[in-house]
Amino acid sequence: DIRHSARLFVGYRNSISETASFNTGLEYLQGIPETKFWRLNWDAALNT
């Protein structure tokens, strides 16, 4: 199966301190031309 989509993403990466860091990203994919297909992905990580 093949799908074509427009893609939007927002990402954030921060080394809060010498001992902690935080990463996150939110992705939205909108099917084109079949707009009934859409997906949402979210990832987050906290390192200590």
All heavy atoms as atom14 arrays in JSON, in Angstrom:
{
  "sequence": "DIRHSARLFVGYRNSISETASFNTGLEYLQGIPETKFWRLNWDAALNT",
  "atom14_mask": [
    [1, 1, 1, 1, 1, 1, 1, 1, 0, 0, 0, 0, 0, 0],
    [1, 1, 1, 1, 1, 1, 1, 1, 0, 0, 0, 0, 0, 0],
    [1, 1, 1, 1, 1, 1, 1, 1, 1, 1, 1, 0, 0, 0],
    [1, 1, 1, 1, 1, 1, 1, 1, 1, 1, 0, 0, 0, 0],
    [1, 1, 1, 1, 1, 1, 0, 0, 0, 0, 0, 0, 0, 0],
    [1, 1, 1, 1, 1, 0, 0, 0, 0, 0, 0, 0, 0, 0],
    [1, 1, 1, 1, 1, 1, 1, 1, 1, 1, 1, 0, 0, 0],
    [1, 1, 1, 1, 1, 1, 1, 1, 0, 0, 0, 0, 0, 0],
    [1, 1, 1, 1, 1, 1, 1, 1, 1, 1, 1, 0, 0, 0],
    [1, 1, 1, 1, 1, 1, 1, 0, 0, 0, 0, 0, 0, 0],
    [1, 1, 1, 1, 0, 0, 0, 0, 0, 0, 0, 0, 0, 0],
    [1, 1, 1, 1, 1, 1, 1, 1, 1, 1, 1, 1, 0, 0],
    [1, 1, 1, 1, 1, 1, 1, 1, 1, 1, 1, 0, 0, 0],
    [1, 1, 1, 1, 1, 1, 1, 1, 0, 0, 0, 0, 0, 0],
    [1, 1, 1, 1, 1, 1, 0, 0, 0, 0, 0, 0, 0, 0],
    [1, 1, 1, 1, 1, 1, 1, 1, 0, 0, 0, 0, 0, 0],
    [1, 1, 1, 1, 1, 1, 0, 0, 0, 0, 0, 0, 0, 0],
    [1, 1, 1, 1, 1, 1, 1, 1, 1, 0, 0, 0, 0, 0],
    [1, 1, 1, 1, 1, 1, 1, 0, 0, 0, 0, 0, 0, 0],
    [1, 1, 1, 1, 1, 0, 0, 0, 0, 0, 0, 0, 0, 0],
    [1, 1, 1, 1, 1, 1, 0, 0, 0, 0, 0, 0, 0, 0],
    [1, 1, 1, 1, 1, 1, 1, 1, 1, 1, 1, 0, 0, 0],
    [1, 1, 1, 1, 1, 1, 1, 1, 0, 0, 0, 0, 0, 0],
    [1, 1, 1, 1, 1, 1, 1, 0, 0, 0, 0, 0, 0, 0],
    [1, 1, 1, 1, 0, 0, 0, 0, 0, 0, 0, 0, 0, 0],
    [1, 1, 1, 1, 1, 1, 1, 1, 0, 0, 0, 0, 0, 0],
    [1, 1, 1, 1, 1, 1, 1, 1, 1, 0, 0, 0, 0, 0],
    [1, 1, 1, 1, 1, 1, 1, 1, 1, 1, 1, 1, 0, 0],
    [1, 1, 1, 1, 1, 1, 1, 1, 0, 0, 0, 0, 0, 0],
    [1, 1, 1, 1, 1, 1, 1, 1, 1, 0, 0, 0, 0, 0],
    [1, 1, 1, 1, 0, 0, 0, 0, 0, 0, 0, 0, 0, 0],
    [1, 1, 1, 1, 1, 1, 1, 1, 0, 0, 0, 0, 0, 0],
    [1, 1, 1, 1, 1, 1, 1, 0, 0, 0, 0, 0, 0, 0],
    [1, 1, 1, 1, 1, 1, 1, 1, 1, 0, 0, 0, 0, 0],
    [1, 1, 1, 1, 1, 1, 1, 0, 0, 0, 0, 0, 0, 0],
    [1, 1, 1, 1, 1, 1, 1, 1, 1, 0, 0, 0, 0, 0],
    [1, 1, 1, 1, 1, 1, 1, 1, 1, 1, 1, 0, 0, 0],
    [1, 1, 1, 1, 1, 1, 1, 1, 1, 1, 1, 1, 1, 1],
    [1, 1, 1, 1, 1, 1, 1, 1, 1, 1, 1, 0, 0, 0],
    [1, 1, 1, 1, 1, 1, 1, 1, 0, 0, 0, 0, 0, 0],
    [1, 1, 1, 1, 1, 1, 1, 1, 0, 0, 0, 0, 0, 0],
    [1, 1, 1, 1, 1, 1, 1, 1, 1, 1, 1, 1, 1, 1],
    [1, 1, 1, 1, 1, 1, 1, 1, 0, 0, 0, 0, 0, 0],
    [1, 1, 1, 1, 1, 0, 0, 0, 0, 0, 0, 0, 0, 0],
    [1, 1, 1, 1, 1, 0, 0, 0, 0, 0, 0, 0, 0, 0],
    [1, 1, 1, 1, 1, 1, 1, 1, 0, 0, 0, 0, 0, 0],
    [1, 1, 1, 1, 1, 1, 1, 1, 0, 0, 0, 0, 0, 0],
    [1, 1, 1, 1, 1, 1, 1, 0, 0, 0, 0, 0, 0, 0]
  ],
  "atom14_positions": [
    [[0.85, -1.19, 0.0], [0.0, 0.0, 0.0], [0.89, 1.24, 0.0], [1.96, 1.26, 0.63], [-0.9, 0.01, 1.24], [-1.87, 1.17, 1.24], [-2.38, 1.51, 0.16], [-2.09, 1.76, 2.32], [0.0, 0.0, 0.0], [0.0, 0.0, 0.0], [0.0, 0.0, 0.0], [0.0, 0.0, 0.0], [0.0, 0.0, 0.0], [0.0, 0.0, 0.0]],
    [[0.45, 2.26, -0.72], [1.19, 3.53, -0.79], [0.27, 4.67, -0.37], [-0.87, 4.74, -0.82], [1.73, 3.79, -2.21], [2.76, 2.72, -2.59], [2.36, 5.18, -2.3], [3.3, 2.88, -4.0], [0.0, 0.0, 0.0], [0.0, 0.0, 0.0], [0.0, 0.0, 0.0], [0.0, 0.0, 0.0], [0.0, 0.0, 0.0], [0.0, 0.0, 0.0]],
    [[0.8, 5.54, 0.51], [0.06, 6.72, 0.93], [0.92, 7.96, 0.73], [2.12, 7.94, 0.99], [-0.35, 6.63, 2.4], [-1.43, 5.61, 2.7], [-1.87, 5.72, 4.16], [-2.8, 4.66, 4.54], [-3.33, 4.55, 5.76], [-3.02, 5.43, 6.7], [-4.16, 3.56, 6.03], [0.0, 0.0, 0.0], [0.0, 0.0, 0.0], [0.0, 0.0, 0.0]],
    [[0.29, 9.04, 0.29], [0.94, 10.33, 0.16], [0.34, 11.26, 1.22], [-0.88, 11.31, 1.39], [0.71, 10.92, -1.23], [1.15, 10.01, -2.34], [2.44, 9.99, -2.82], [0.46, 9.08, -3.06], [2.54, 9.1, -3.78], [1.35, 8.54, -3.97], [0.0, 0.0, 0.0], [0.0, 0.0, 0.0], [0.0, 0.0, 0.0], [0.0, 0.0, 0.0]],
    [[1.21, 12.0, 1.91], [0.73, 12.86, 2.98], [1.52, 14.16, 3.03], [2.71, 14.2, 2.67], [0.85, 12.16, 4.35], [0.11, 10.97, 4.4], [0.0, 0.0, 0.0], [0.0, 0.0, 0.0], [0.0, 0.0, 0.0], [0.0, 0.0, 0.0], [0.0, 0.0, 0.0], [0.0, 0.0, 0.0], [0.0, 0.0, 0.0], [0.0, 0.0, 0.0]],
    [[0.85, 15.21, 3.5], [1.53, 16.43, 3.9], [1.95, 16.26, 5.35], [1.24, 15.64, 6.14], [0.62, 17.64, 3.74], [0.0, 0.0, 0.0], [0.0, 0.0, 0.0], [0.0, 0.0, 0.0], [0.0, 0.0, 0.0], [0.0, 0.0, 0.0], [0.0, 0.0, 0.0], [0.0, 0.0, 0.0], [0.0, 0.0, 0.0], [0.0, 0.0, 0.0]],
    [[3.11, 16.8, 5.7], [3.68, 16.55, 7.02], [4.01, 17.85, 7.74], [4.62, 18.75, 7.18], [4.96, 15.7, 6.89], [5.68, 15.41, 8.19], [6.9, 14.56, 7.95], [7.64, 14.31, 9.18], [8.6, 15.11, 9.66], [8.95, 16.19, 8.97], [9.21, 14.83, 10.78], [0.0, 0.0, 0.0], [0.0, 0.0, 0.0], [0.0, 0.0, 0.0]],
    [[3.6, 17.91, 9.02], [3.96, 19.01, 9.92], [4.56, 18.43, 11.19], [4.11, 17.4, 11.68], [2.73, 19.86, 10.27], [2.07, 20.64, 9.12], [0.79, 21.31, 9.62], [3.03, 21.68, 8.54], [0.0, 0.0, 0.0], [0.0, 0.0, 0.0], [0.0, 0.0, 0.0], [0.0, 0.0, 0.0], [0.0, 0.0, 0.0], [0.0, 0.0, 0.0]],
    [[5.58, 19.1, 11.71], [6.27, 18.6, 12.89], [6.78, 19.76, 13.73], [7.23, 20.78, 13.21], [7.45, 17.71, 12.46], [8.28, 17.19, 13.6], [7.94, 16.01, 14.25], [9.41, 17.88, 14.03], [8.71, 15.52, 15.3], [10.18, 17.4, 15.07], [9.83, 16.22, 15.71], [0.0, 0.0, 0.0], [0.0, 0.0, 0.0], [0.0, 0.0, 0.0]],
    [[6.7, 19.57, 15.06], [7.3, 20.52, 16.0], [8.19, 19.74, 16.94], [7.76, 18.73, 17.52], [6.22, 21.28, 16.81], [6.89, 22.2, 17.84], [5.35, 22.11, 15.88], [0.0, 0.0, 0.0], [0.0, 0.0, 0.0], [0.0, 0.0, 0.0], [0.0, 0.0, 0.0], [0.0, 0.0, 0.0], [0.0, 0.0, 0.0], [0.0, 0.0, 0.0]],
    [[9.45, 20.16, 17.09], [10.39, 19.47, 17.96], [11.04, 20.39, 18.95], [11.22, 21.58, 18.7], [0.0, 0.0, 0.0], [0.0, 0.0, 0.0], [0.0, 0.0, 0.0], [0.0, 0.0, 0.0], [0.0, 0.0, 0.0], [0.0, 0.0, 0.0], [0.0, 0.0, 0.0], [0.0, 0.0, 0.0], [0.0, 0.0, 0.0], [0.0, 0.0, 0.0]],
    [[11.42, 19.82, 20.09], [12.08, 20.61, 21.15], [13.11, 19.73, 21.83], [12.82, 18.58, 22.2], [11.06, 21.1, 22.16], [11.65, 21.93, 23.28], [12.21, 23.18, 23.03], [11.66, 21.47, 24.59], [12.75, 23.95, 24.04], [12.2, 22.23, 25.61], [12.75, 23.47, 25.33], [13.3, 24.22, 26.34], [0.0, 0.0, 0.0], [0.0, 0.0, 0.0]],
    [[14.33, 20.25, 21.98], [15.42, 19.53, 22.64], [16.1, 20.49, 23.6], [16.51, 21.58, 23.21], [16.41, 18.99, 21.61], [17.58, 18.23, 22.21], [18.62, 17.85, 21.16], [18.09, 16.95, 20.16], [17.97, 17.26, 18.88], [18.34, 18.46, 18.46], [17.48, 16.4, 18.02], [0.0, 0.0, 0.0], [0.0, 0.0, 0.0], [0.0, 0.0, 0.0]],
    [[16.26, 20.07, 24.86], [16.85, 20.97, 25.86], [17.66, 20.17, 26.87], [17.16, 19.25, 27.49], [15.74, 21.74, 26.58], [16.3, 22.79, 27.54], [17.5, 23.0, 27.63], [15.41, 23.43, 28.27], [0.0, 0.0, 0.0], [0.0, 0.0, 0.0], [0.0, 0.0, 0.0], [0.0, 0.0, 0.0], [0.0, 0.0, 0.0], [0.0, 0.0, 0.0]],
    [[18.94, 20.53, 26.99], [19.75, 20.01, 28.09], [19.52, 20.94, 29.28], [20.15, 21.99, 29.41], [21.23, 19.99, 27.71], [21.46, 19.06, 26.68], [0.0, 0.0, 0.0], [0.0, 0.0, 0.0], [0.0, 0.0, 0.0], [0.0, 0.0, 0.0], [0.0, 0.0, 0.0], [0.0, 0.0, 0.0], [0.0, 0.0, 0.0], [0.0, 0.0, 0.0]],
    [[18.55, 20.57, 30.11], [18.1, 21.43, 31.19], [19.24, 21.81, 32.11], [19.35, 22.95, 32.58], [16.98, 20.72, 31.98], [15.81, 20.37, 31.03], [16.5, 21.58, 33.14], [14.78, 19.47, 31.65], [0.0, 0.0, 0.0], [0.0, 0.0, 0.0], [0.0, 0.0, 0.0], [0.0, 0.0, 0.0], [0.0, 0.0, 0.0], [0.0, 0.0, 0.0]],
    [[20.11, 20.87, 32.37], [21.27, 21.11, 33.22], [22.34, 20.11, 32.83], [22.2, 19.36, 31.86], [20.89, 20.97, 34.7], [20.56, 19.62, 35.0], [0.0, 0.0, 0.0], [0.0, 0.0, 0.0], [0.0, 0.0, 0.0], [0.0, 0.0, 0.0], [0.0, 0.0, 0.0], [0.0, 0.0, 0.0], [0.0, 0.0, 0.0], [0.0, 0.0, 0.0]],
    [[23.43, 20.08, 33.59], [24.48, 19.11, 33.33], [24.02, 17.67, 33.59], [24.64, 16.72, 33.12], [25.7, 19.42, 34.21], [26.4, 20.72, 33.86], [27.01, 20.69, 32.48], [27.43, 19.6, 32.04], [27.07, 21.75, 31.83], [0.0, 0.0, 0.0], [0.0, 0.0, 0.0], [0.0, 0.0, 0.0], [0.0, 0.0, 0.0], [0.0, 0.0, 0.0]],
    [[22.91, 17.52, 34.33], [22.46, 16.18, 34.72], [21.09, 15.8, 34.16], [20.63, 14.71, 34.43], [22.42, 16.07, 36.25], [21.51, 17.04, 36.78], [23.8, 16.29, 36.85], [0.0, 0.0, 0.0], [0.0, 0.0, 0.0], [0.0, 0.0, 0.0], [0.0, 0.0, 0.0], [0.0, 0.0, 0.0], [0.0, 0.0, 0.0], [0.0, 0.0, 0.0]],
    [[20.45, 16.69, 33.41], [19.1, 16.39, 32.93], [18.89, 16.96, 31.53], [19.4, 18.04, 31.2], [18.05, 16.95, 33.88], [0.0, 0.0, 0.0], [0.0, 0.0, 0.0], [0.0, 0.0, 0.0], [0.0, 0.0, 0.0], [0.0, 0.0, 0.0], [0.0, 0.0, 0.0], [0.0, 0.0, 0.0], [0.0, 0.0, 0.0], [0.0, 0.0, 0.0]],
    [[18.14, 16.23, 30.7], [17.8, 16.69, 29.36], [16.4, 16.21, 29.02], [15.92, 15.19, 29.53], [18.8, 16.19, 28.32], [18.78, 14.78, 28.25], [0.0, 0.0, 0.0], [0.0, 0.0, 0.0], [0.0, 0.0, 0.0], [0.0, 0.0, 0.0], [0.0, 0.0, 0.0], [0.0, 0.0, 0.0], [0.0, 0.0, 0.0], [0.0, 0.0, 0.0]],
    [[15.74, 16.95, 28.11], [14.36, 16.65, 27.73], [14.22, 16.8, 26.22], [14.66, 17.8, 25.64], [13.4, 17.59, 28.44], [11.96, 17.42, 28.02], [11.24, 16.29, 28.41], [11.32, 18.36, 27.23], [9.92, 16.11, 28.03], [10.0, 18.2, 26.85], [9.3, 17.07, 27.24], [0.0, 0.0, 0.0], [0.0, 0.0, 0.0], [0.0, 0.0, 0.0]],
    [[13.63, 15.79, 25.59], [13.37, 15.81, 24.14], [11.92, 15.48, 23.89], [11.35, 14.59, 24.55], [14.23, 14.78, 23.4], [15.71, 15.01, 23.58], [16.14, 16.12, 23.86], [16.5, 13.95, 23.41], [0.0, 0.0, 0.0], [0.0, 0.0, 0.0], [0.0, 0.0, 0.0], [0.0, 0.0, 0.0], [0.0, 0.0, 0.0], [0.0, 0.0, 0.0]],
    [[11.31, 16.16, 22.93], [9.94, 15.81, 22.56], [9.69, 16.22, 21.11], [10.36, 17.14, 20.59], [8.92, 16.49, 23.48], [7.61, 15.97, 23.19], [8.93, 18.0, 23.31], [0.0, 0.0, 0.0], [0.0, 0.0, 0.0], [0.0, 0.0, 0.0], [0.0, 0.0, 0.0], [0.0, 0.0, 0.0], [0.0, 0.0, 0.0], [0.0, 0.0, 0.0]],
    [[8.75, 15.55, 20.47], [8.39, 15.88, 19.09], [6.98, 15.44, 18.78], [6.55, 14.35, 19.19], [0.0, 0.0, 0.0], [0.0, 0.0, 0.0], [0.0, 0.0, 0.0], [0.0, 0.0, 0.0], [0.0, 0.0, 0.0], [0.0, 0.0, 0.0], [0.0, 0.0, 0.0], [0.0, 0.0, 0.0], [0.0, 0.0, 0.0], [0.0, 0.0, 0.0]],
    [[6.23, 16.29, 18.09], [4.85, 16.0, 17.7], [4.74, 16.1, 16.19], [5.1, 17.11, 15.59], [3.9, 17.0, 18.37], [2.41, 16.82, 18.07], [1.9, 15.49, 18.64], [1.61, 17.98, 18.65], [0.0, 0.0, 0.0], [0.0, 0.0, 0.0], [0.0, 0.0, 0.0], [0.0, 0.0, 0.0], [0.0, 0.0, 0.0], [0.0, 0.0, 0.0]],
    [[4.24, 15.02, 15.57], [4.16, 14.93, 14.12], [2.73, 14.7, 13.67], [2.02, 13.85, 14.23], [5.05, 13.78, 13.63], [5.06, 13.59, 12.13], [5.89, 12.38, 11.71], [5.68, 11.3, 12.3], [6.73, 12.52, 10.81], [0.0, 0.0, 0.0], [0.0, 0.0, 0.0], [0.0, 0.0, 0.0], [0.0, 0.0, 0.0], [0.0, 0.0, 0.0]],
    [[2.3, 15.45, 12.65], [0.97, 15.29, 12.08], [1.1, 15.04, 10.59], [1.8, 15.77, 9.89], [0.11, 16.54, 12.32], [-1.24, 16.48, 11.65], [-2.27, 15.69, 12.19], [-1.49, 17.19, 10.48], [-3.51, 15.63, 11.57], [-2.74, 17.14, 9.86], [-3.74, 16.35, 10.41], [-4.97, 16.29, 9.8], [0.0, 0.0, 0.0], [0.0, 0.0, 0.0]],
    [[0.44, 13.99, 10.11], [0.47, 13.64, 8.69], [-0.95, 13.59, 8.15], [-1.79, 12.84, 8.67], [1.17, 12.29, 8.48], [2.63, 12.25, 8.94], [2.77, 11.28, 10.11], [3.56, 11.87, 7.81], [0.0, 0.0, 0.0], [0.0, 0.0, 0.0], [0.0, 0.0, 0.0], [0.0, 0.0, 0.0], [0.0, 0.0, 0.0], [0.0, 0.0, 0.0]],
    [[-1.2, 14.4, 7.13], [-2.52, 14.49, 6.51], [-2.48, 13.88, 5.12], [-1.7, 14.32, 4.26], [-2.97, 15.94, 6.42], [-4.28, 16.14, 5.69], [-5.45, 15.44, 6.37], [-5.79, 15.75, 7.51], [-6.06, 14.47, 5.68], [0.0, 0.0, 0.0], [0.0, 0.0, 0.0], [0.0, 0.0, 0.0], [0.0, 0.0, 0.0], [0.0, 0.0, 0.0]],
    [[-3.29, 12.83, 4.92], [-3.32, 12.16, 3.63], [-3.75, 13.09, 2.51], [-4.66, 13.92, 2.68], [0.0, 0.0, 0.0], [0.0, 0.0, 0.0], [0.0, 0.0, 0.0], [0.0, 0.0, 0.0], [0.0, 0.0, 0.0], [0.0, 0.0, 0.0], [0.0, 0.0, 0.0], [0.0, 0.0, 0.0], [0.0, 0.0, 0.0], [0.0, 0.0, 0.0]],
    [[-3.1, 12.97, 1.36], [-3.49, 13.73, 0.16], [-3.4, 12.77, -1.04], [-2.47, 11.97, -1.14], [-2.57, 14.95, -0.07], [-1.09, 14.53, 0.0], [-2.87, 16.07, 0.9], [-0.11, 15.63, -0.32], [0.0, 0.0, 0.0], [0.0, 0.0, 0.0], [0.0, 0.0, 0.0], [0.0, 0.0, 0.0], [0.0, 0.0, 0.0], [0.0, 0.0, 0.0]],
    [[-4.36, 12.8, -1.95], [-5.57, 13.62, -1.9], [-6.69, 13.02, -1.05], [-7.73, 13.65, -0.87], [-5.97, 13.69, -3.37], [-5.53, 12.35, -3.92], [-4.26, 12.02, -3.18], [0.0, 0.0, 0.0], [0.0, 0.0, 0.0], [0.0, 0.0, 0.0], [0.0, 0.0, 0.0], [0.0, 0.0, 0.0], [0.0, 0.0, 0.0], [0.0, 0.0, 0.0]],
    [[-6.5, 11.77, -0.57], [-7.54, 11.13, 0.24], [-7.41, 11.62, 1.67], [-6.65, 11.09, 2.47], [-7.39, 9.61, 0.17], [-7.53, 9.05, -1.25], [-7.44, 7.53, -1.25], [-8.3, 6.89, -0.62], [-6.5, 7.01, -1.86], [0.0, 0.0, 0.0], [0.0, 0.0, 0.0], [0.0, 0.0, 0.0], [0.0, 0.0, 0.0], [0.0, 0.0, 0.0]],
    [[-8.18, 12.63, 2.02], [-8.04, 13.3, 3.31], [-8.56, 12.47, 4.48], [-8.36, 12.86, 5.63], [-8.76, 14.65, 3.28], [-10.14, 14.44, 2.94], [-8.11, 15.58, 2.26], [0.0, 0.0, 0.0], [0.0, 0.0, 0.0], [0.0, 0.0, 0.0], [0.0, 0.0, 0.0], [0.0, 0.0, 0.0], [0.0, 0.0, 0.0], [0.0, 0.0, 0.0]],
    [[-9.22, 11.34, 4.22], [-9.69, 10.51, 5.33], [-8.53, 9.85, 6.06], [-8.68, 9.38, 7.2], [-10.66, 9.45, 4.83], [-10.02, 8.42, 3.89], [-11.05, 7.38, 3.45], [-10.41, 6.33, 2.52], [-11.4, 5.31, 2.12], [0.0, 0.0, 0.0], [0.0, 0.0, 0.0], [0.0, 0.0, 0.0], [0.0, 0.0, 0.0], [0.0, 0.0, 0.0]],
    [[-7.37, 9.79, 5.42], [-6.18, 9.22, 6.07], [-5.4, 10.33, 6.78], [-4.95, 11.28, 6.15], [-5.27, 8.54, 5.03], [-5.9, 7.39, 4.32], [-6.18, 7.46, 2.97], [-6.21, 6.22, 5.01], [-6.77, 6.39, 2.31], [-6.79, 5.14, 4.36], [-7.08, 5.22, 3.01], [0.0, 0.0, 0.0], [0.0, 0.0, 0.0], [0.0, 0.0, 0.0]],
    [[-5.26, 10.18, 8.09], [-4.38, 11.08, 8.83], [-3.82, 10.37, 10.06], [-4.44, 9.45, 10.59], [-5.07, 12.4, 9.21], [-6.25, 12.28, 10.12], [-7.55, 12.07, 9.76], [-6.25, 12.4, 11.55], [-8.36, 12.04, 10.86], [-7.6, 12.25, 11.98], [-5.27, 12.62, 12.51], [-7.96, 12.3, 13.32], [-5.63, 12.69, 13.84], [-6.97, 12.53, 14.23]],
    [[-2.62, 10.77, 10.44], [-1.91, 10.12, 11.54], [-1.3, 11.16, 12.47], [-1.01, 12.29, 12.06], [-0.8, 9.2, 10.99], [-1.32, 7.96, 10.3], [-0.2, 7.2, 9.61], [0.26, 7.89, 8.42], [1.53, 8.02, 8.07], [2.5, 7.54, 8.87], [1.88, 8.64, 6.98], [0.0, 0.0, 0.0], [0.0, 0.0, 0.0], [0.0, 0.0, 0.0]],
    [[-1.09, 10.74, 13.71], [-0.49, 11.61, 14.72], [0.53, 10.79, 15.51], [0.21, 9.69, 16.0], [-1.57, 12.15, 15.67], [-1.12, 13.22, 16.67], [-0.77, 14.51, 15.95], [-2.23, 13.48, 17.69], [0.0, 0.0, 0.0], [0.0, 0.0, 0.0], [0.0, 0.0, 0.0], [0.0, 0.0, 0.0], [0.0, 0.0, 0.0], [0.0, 0.0, 0.0]],
    [[1.75, 11.3, 15.63], [2.82, 10.63, 16.37], [3.4, 11.6, 17.39], [3.67, 12.76, 17.08], [3.92, 10.16, 15.42], [3.41, 9.18, 14.37], [2.62, 8.3, 14.67], [3.87, 9.35, 13.15], [0.0, 0.0, 0.0], [0.0, 0.0, 0.0], [0.0, 0.0, 0.0], [0.0, 0.0, 0.0], [0.0, 0.0, 0.0], [0.0, 0.0, 0.0]],
    [[3.64, 11.1, 18.6], [4.23, 11.93, 19.65], [5.27, 11.11, 20.4], [5.02, 9.96, 20.78], [3.15, 12.42, 20.62], [3.7, 13.26, 21.75], [4.71, 14.17, 21.68], [3.28, 13.23, 23.12], [4.94, 14.74, 22.91], [4.08, 14.19, 23.81], [2.32, 12.51, 23.82], [3.94, 14.42, 25.17], [2.17, 12.76, 25.18], [2.96, 13.7, 25.83]],
    [[6.44, 11.7, 20.6], [7.52, 11.07, 21.36], [8.03, 12.06, 22.4], [8.14, 13.27, 22.13], [8.68, 10.66, 20.44], [8.28, 9.58, 19.47], [8.0, 8.46, 19.92], [8.26, 9.85, 18.25], [0.0, 0.0, 0.0], [0.0, 0.0, 0.0], [0.0, 0.0, 0.0], [0.0, 0.0, 0.0], [0.0, 0.0, 0.0], [0.0, 0.0, 0.0]],
    [[8.38, 11.55, 23.57], [8.94, 12.38, 24.63], [9.92, 11.54, 25.44], [9.72, 10.34, 25.65], [7.84, 12.94, 25.54], [0.0, 0.0, 0.0], [0.0, 0.0, 0.0], [0.0, 0.0, 0.0], [0.0, 0.0, 0.0], [0.0, 0.0, 0.0], [0.0, 0.0, 0.0], [0.0, 0.0, 0.0], [0.0, 0.0, 0.0], [0.0, 0.0, 0.0]],
    [[11.0, 12.18, 25.9], [12.01, 11.48, 26.69], [12.63, 12.43, 27.69], [12.95, 13.58, 27.36], [13.1, 10.89, 25.79], [0.0, 0.0, 0.0], [0.0, 0.0, 0.0], [0.0, 0.0, 0.0], [0.0, 0.0, 0.0], [0.0, 0.0, 0.0], [0.0, 0.0, 0.0], [0.0, 0.0, 0.0], [0.0, 0.0, 0.0], [0.0, 0.0, 0.0]],
    [[12.79, 11.96, 28.92], [13.45, 12.71, 29.98], [14.64, 11.89, 30.48], [14.47, 10.76, 30.93], [12.49, 13.0, 31.13], [13.07, 13.75, 32.33], [13.53, 15.14, 31.92], [12.05, 13.84, 33.46], [0.0, 0.0, 0.0], [0.0, 0.0, 0.0], [0.0, 0.0, 0.0], [0.0, 0.0, 0.0], [0.0, 0.0, 0.0], [0.0, 0.0, 0.0]],
    [[15.85, 12.46, 30.38], [17.07, 11.78, 30.81], [17.62, 12.44, 32.06], [17.71, 13.67, 32.14], [18.14, 11.84, 29.71], [17.85, 10.9, 28.57], [16.74, 10.85, 28.07], [18.84, 10.16, 28.14], [0.0, 0.0, 0.0], [0.0, 0.0, 0.0], [0.0, 0.0, 0.0], [0.0, 0.0, 0.0], [0.0, 0.0, 0.0], [0.0, 0.0, 0.0]],
    [[18.01, 11.61, 33.04], [18.62, 12.1, 34.27], [19.92, 11.37, 34.5], [19.96, 10.14, 34.58], [17.68, 11.88, 35.48], [16.42, 12.5, 35.21], [18.28, 12.49, 36.73], [0.0, 0.0, 0.0], [0.0, 0.0, 0.0], [0.0, 0.0, 0.0], [0.0, 0.0, 0.0], [0.0, 0.0, 0.0], [0.0, 0.0, 0.0], [0.0, 0.0, 0.0]]
  ]
}
